[in-house]
Amino acid sequence: MKFSPKLVLSDLDGTMIDSVPDLSYAVDTMMQQLGLAACGEAKVRHWVGNGVERLVKRALVGQLHGEPEPALYEQALPLFKKIYGECNGQHSVLYPGVLEGLHWIKNQGYTLACITNKAEQFTVPLLQSLHIHDLFELILSGDSLPQKKPDPAPLLHAAQFFHTDPHDSLMLGDSVNDVQAARAAGFHIICVSYGYNHGEDIRDAQPDAVIDSFSELPQLLTA
């Protein structure tokens, strides 16, 4: 399948950037300061993908589902945000092929935007630390609008912002949230195989295509 989009939106964590090293450090430091056992990077990698609030809850209960004691959560969340704000971008890395893929998208004349559920206070510094912030003509974070993915509102907002029909728009993502948002918005959706989808094969969500690297995008996109 070939795509000819006028607008390309990309998710952030798990799609362009592996942010787990910083998130894991923040989780484990938070847990230690609360007098609780560290979780470890492997568990955090399984838990990420639905925002820091959900990640903190998962760390406190030690599993993907469940709710911690409200008082403990209220103590833990600001602690996590403080720690993560200090370490954000220190150990996160671009996935192989992402930088080249983004430059290729720009060089082809596509409009490029970033749509993430990550809060703006963490999104902008992370993009800046990895020197890709200025490649995006619009950055919508998880708190930019009242809704966030899997709600289609951020995608539709971007399409309206650029005066582009959703059917001429493409989402790049890594999770079922991205697929659901794209489908609801009327976007095409290409997913990466390596991202944060809680151990589930993203192919099960039936995106339009699955790639192993952004370096494969020239094979799928046409001007």
Protein backbone atom coordinates (compact mmCIF):
# COMPACT_ATOMS: atom_id res chain seq x y z
CA MET A 1 0.00 0.00 0.00
CA LYS A 2 1.24 3.48 -0.92
CA PHE A 3 0.24 6.66 0.90
CA SER A 4 0.14 10.21 -0.46
CA PRO A 5 -0.52 12.36 2.60
CA LYS A 6 -0.43 16.14 2.79
CA LEU A 7 -0.03 16.00 6.57
CA VAL A 8 2.07 13.57 8.65
CA LEU A 9 1.59 13.36 12.41
CA SER A 10 3.95 11.39 14.61
CA ASP A 11 3.57 10.08 18.13
CA LEU A 12 6.54 10.63 20.45
CA ASP A 13 7.29 7.96 23.09
CA GLY A 14 7.75 4.50 21.63
CA THR A 15 7.53 5.81 18.08
CA MET A 16 10.34 8.33 17.72
CA ILE A 17 12.00 8.20 21.12
CA ASP A 18 12.82 5.45 23.58
CA SER A 19 12.15 7.35 26.80
CA VAL A 20 12.01 4.32 29.07
CA PRO A 21 15.52 4.79 30.53
CA ASP A 22 14.53 8.17 31.99
CA LEU A 23 11.04 7.02 32.98
CA SER A 24 12.46 3.95 34.70
CA TYR A 25 14.98 6.02 36.64
CA ALA A 26 12.22 8.39 37.75
CA VAL A 27 9.91 5.53 38.77
CA ASP A 28 12.58 3.71 40.76
CA THR A 29 13.80 6.88 42.47
CA MET A 30 10.21 7.74 43.38
CA MET A 31 9.62 4.27 44.79
CA GLN A 32 12.82 4.37 46.84
CA GLN A 33 11.94 7.78 48.27
CA LEU A 34 8.55 6.37 49.25
CA GLY A 35 10.27 3.46 50.99
CA LEU A 36 9.04 0.96 48.40
CA ALA A 37 10.89 -1.56 46.23
CA ALA A 38 12.20 -0.41 42.87
CA CYS A 39 10.34 -1.74 39.83
CA GLY A 40 13.15 -2.11 37.27
CA GLU A 41 13.32 -1.11 33.63
CA ALA A 42 11.70 -4.26 32.23
CA LYS A 43 8.45 -3.65 34.13
CA VAL A 44 8.41 0.04 33.33
CA ARG A 45 8.88 -0.74 29.63
CA HIS A 46 5.75 -2.91 29.83
CA TRP A 47 3.76 -0.24 31.66
CA VAL A 48 4.46 2.94 29.67
CA GLY A 49 2.24 4.35 26.96
CA ASN A 50 -0.76 5.91 28.70
CA GLY A 51 0.71 8.97 30.39
CA VAL A 52 2.69 9.50 33.58
CA GLU A 53 -0.38 9.39 35.82
CA ARG A 54 -1.18 5.85 34.72
CA LEU A 55 2.49 4.89 34.90
CA VAL A 56 2.73 6.04 38.52
CA LYS A 57 -0.40 4.08 39.41
CA ARG A 58 1.02 0.96 37.76
CA ALA A 59 4.26 1.31 39.65
CA LEU A 60 2.44 1.67 42.97
CA VAL A 61 0.25 -1.42 42.41
CA GLY A 62 3.00 -3.36 40.63
CA GLN A 63 0.87 -4.32 37.62
CA LEU A 64 -0.83 -3.01 34.50
CA HIS A 65 -4.28 -2.65 36.06
CA GLY A 66 -5.51 -1.52 39.43
CA GLU A 67 -5.73 1.57 41.59
CA PRO A 68 -3.36 2.46 44.43
CA GLU A 69 -4.39 4.01 47.74
CA PRO A 70 -5.44 7.60 46.93
CA ALA A 71 -3.23 9.11 49.64
CA LEU A 72 -0.17 7.23 48.39
CA TYR A 73 -0.87 8.26 44.79
CA GLU A 74 -1.29 11.91 45.77
CA GLN A 75 2.12 11.74 47.43
CA ALA A 76 3.77 9.81 44.60
CA LEU A 77 2.65 11.77 41.52
CA PRO A 78 4.25 15.16 42.31
CA LEU A 79 7.36 13.33 43.47
CA PHE A 80 7.59 11.48 40.16
CA LYS A 81 7.02 14.65 38.15
CA LYS A 82 9.81 16.45 40.02
CA ILE A 83 12.28 13.61 39.49
CA TYR A 84 11.32 13.06 35.86
CA GLY A 85 11.51 16.76 35.12
CA GLU A 86 15.11 16.71 36.33
CA CYS A 87 16.22 13.61 34.40
CA ASN A 88 14.01 13.96 31.28
CA GLY A 89 16.15 13.61 28.15
CA GLN A 90 19.34 12.53 29.90
CA HIS A 91 19.19 8.90 28.78
CA SER A 92 16.37 8.88 26.21
CA VAL A 93 17.43 8.16 22.63
CA LEU A 94 16.00 8.37 19.14
CA TYR A 95 15.19 4.98 17.65
CA PRO A 96 17.43 3.99 14.73
CA GLY A 97 16.29 5.58 11.48
CA VAL A 98 14.06 8.21 13.10
CA LEU A 99 16.25 11.25 12.47
CA GLU A 100 16.85 10.27 8.86
CA GLY A 101 13.15 9.50 8.41
CA LEU A 102 12.05 12.85 9.81
CA HIS A 103 14.45 14.75 7.58
CA TRP A 104 13.23 12.73 4.59
CA ILE A 105 9.61 13.63 5.41
CA LYS A 106 10.54 17.32 5.61
CA ASN A 107 12.61 17.20 2.43
CA GLN A 108 9.66 15.71 0.53
CA GLY A 109 7.58 18.73 1.44
CA TYR A 110 5.15 17.00 3.79
CA THR A 111 3.75 19.02 6.69
CA LEU A 112 5.02 17.39 9.89
CA ALA A 113 3.55 17.61 13.39
CA CYS A 114 4.02 15.80 16.71
CA ILE A 115 0.98 14.49 18.61
CA THR A 116 1.68 12.97 22.01
CA ASN A 117 -0.09 12.20 25.28
CA LYS A 118 2.99 13.39 27.17
CA ALA A 119 2.48 16.61 29.12
CA GLU A 120 3.92 19.75 27.53
CA GLN A 121 6.31 20.33 30.45
CA PHE A 122 8.05 17.07 29.48
CA THR A 123 7.41 17.03 25.72
CA VAL A 124 9.19 20.24 24.73
CA PRO A 125 12.40 19.66 26.75
CA LEU A 126 12.63 16.08 25.45
CA LEU A 127 12.27 17.14 21.82
CA GLN A 128 14.82 19.90 22.38
CA SER A 129 17.31 17.62 24.11
CA LEU A 130 17.32 15.29 21.10
CA HIS A 131 17.47 18.20 18.63
CA ILE A 132 14.26 17.45 16.71
CA HIS A 133 11.94 20.10 18.18
CA ASP A 134 12.29 22.47 15.24
CA LEU A 135 11.35 19.82 12.66
CA PHE A 136 7.68 20.04 13.71
CA GLU A 137 5.32 22.75 12.55
CA LEU A 138 2.91 21.92 15.38
CA ILE A 139 3.38 20.09 18.69
CA LEU A 140 0.27 18.94 20.56
CA SER A 141 0.92 17.49 24.00
CA GLY A 142 -1.37 15.52 26.26
CA ASP A 143 -2.54 18.67 28.03
CA SER A 144 -2.79 20.94 24.97
CA LEU A 145 -6.47 20.05 24.53
CA PRO A 146 -9.17 18.71 26.88
CA GLN A 147 -8.94 15.34 25.08
CA LYS A 148 -5.98 13.15 24.23
CA LYS A 149 -5.49 9.93 22.26
CA PRO A 150 -7.29 7.55 21.76
CA ASP A 151 -9.79 10.40 21.38
CA PRO A 152 -9.52 11.67 17.78
CA ALA A 153 -9.67 15.34 18.87
CA PRO A 154 -5.89 16.04 18.73
CA LEU A 155 -5.63 14.57 15.23
CA LEU A 156 -8.68 16.46 14.00
CA HIS A 157 -7.35 19.65 15.58
CA ALA A 158 -4.08 19.25 13.66
CA ALA A 159 -5.91 18.61 10.39
CA GLN A 160 -8.05 21.70 10.92
CA PHE A 161 -5.00 23.76 11.92
CA PHE A 162 -3.31 22.94 8.62
CA HIS A 163 -6.56 23.09 6.60
CA THR A 164 -6.05 19.47 5.56
CA ASP A 165 -8.71 16.81 5.01
CA PRO A 166 -8.29 13.91 7.49
CA HIS A 167 -8.34 11.49 4.54
CA ASP A 168 -5.20 13.22 3.27
CA SER A 169 -3.50 12.80 6.63
CA LEU A 170 -1.28 10.09 8.09
CA MET A 171 -0.52 9.13 11.70
CA LEU A 172 2.71 7.41 12.71
CA GLY A 173 2.39 5.55 16.01
CA ASP A 174 3.24 2.52 18.08
CA SER A 175 0.17 1.64 20.13
CA VAL A 176 -3.48 0.70 19.96
CA ASN A 177 -4.24 4.24 21.20
CA ASP A 178 -2.72 5.63 18.02
CA VAL A 179 -4.67 3.21 15.83
CA GLN A 180 -7.96 3.97 17.57
CA ALA A 181 -7.41 7.73 17.34
CA ALA A 182 -6.47 7.53 13.66
CA ARG A 183 -9.44 5.36 12.76
CA ALA A 184 -11.86 7.63 14.61
CA ALA A 185 -10.36 10.70 12.92
CA GLY A 186 -10.40 9.20 9.43
CA PHE A 187 -6.60 9.20 9.18
CA HIS A 188 -4.36 6.56 7.66
CA ILE A 189 -2.14 4.90 10.27
CA ILE A 190 1.32 3.36 10.04
CA CYS A 191 2.74 1.76 13.18
CA VAL A 192 6.25 0.82 14.20
CA SER A 193 6.84 -2.72 15.38
CA TYR A 194 9.10 -1.86 18.31
CA GLY A 195 7.07 0.54 20.45
CA TYR A 196 5.15 0.58 23.72
CA ASN A 197 2.04 -1.56 23.35
CA HIS A 198 2.12 -3.50 26.64
CA GLY A 199 3.66 -6.57 25.04
CA GLU A 200 0.92 -6.94 22.43
CA ASP A 201 1.75 -7.25 18.72
CA ILE A 202 0.64 -3.98 17.12
CA ARG A 203 -0.40 -5.94 14.02
CA ASP A 204 -3.36 -7.21 16.04
CA ALA A 205 -4.74 -3.65 16.03
CA GLN A 206 -4.75 -3.76 12.21
CA PRO A 207 -3.01 -0.51 11.24
CA ASP A 208 -2.65 0.16 7.52
CA ALA A 209 1.01 -0.84 7.62
CA VAL A 210 3.72 -1.84 10.10
CA ILE A 211 7.36 -0.82 9.74
CA ASP A 212 10.49 -1.77 11.66
CA SER A 213 12.15 1.62 11.13
CA PHE A 214 11.37 5.13 9.91
CA SER A 215 13.93 4.37 7.21
CA GLU A 216 11.18 2.32 5.49
CA LEU A 217 8.91 5.35 5.02
CA PRO A 218 10.26 6.24 1.54
CA GLN A 219 8.95 2.86 0.37
CA LEU A 220 5.42 3.71 1.54
CA LEU A 221 4.99 7.44 0.94
CA THR A 222 4.66 9.12 -2.43
CA ALA A 223 4.58 12.83 -3.17
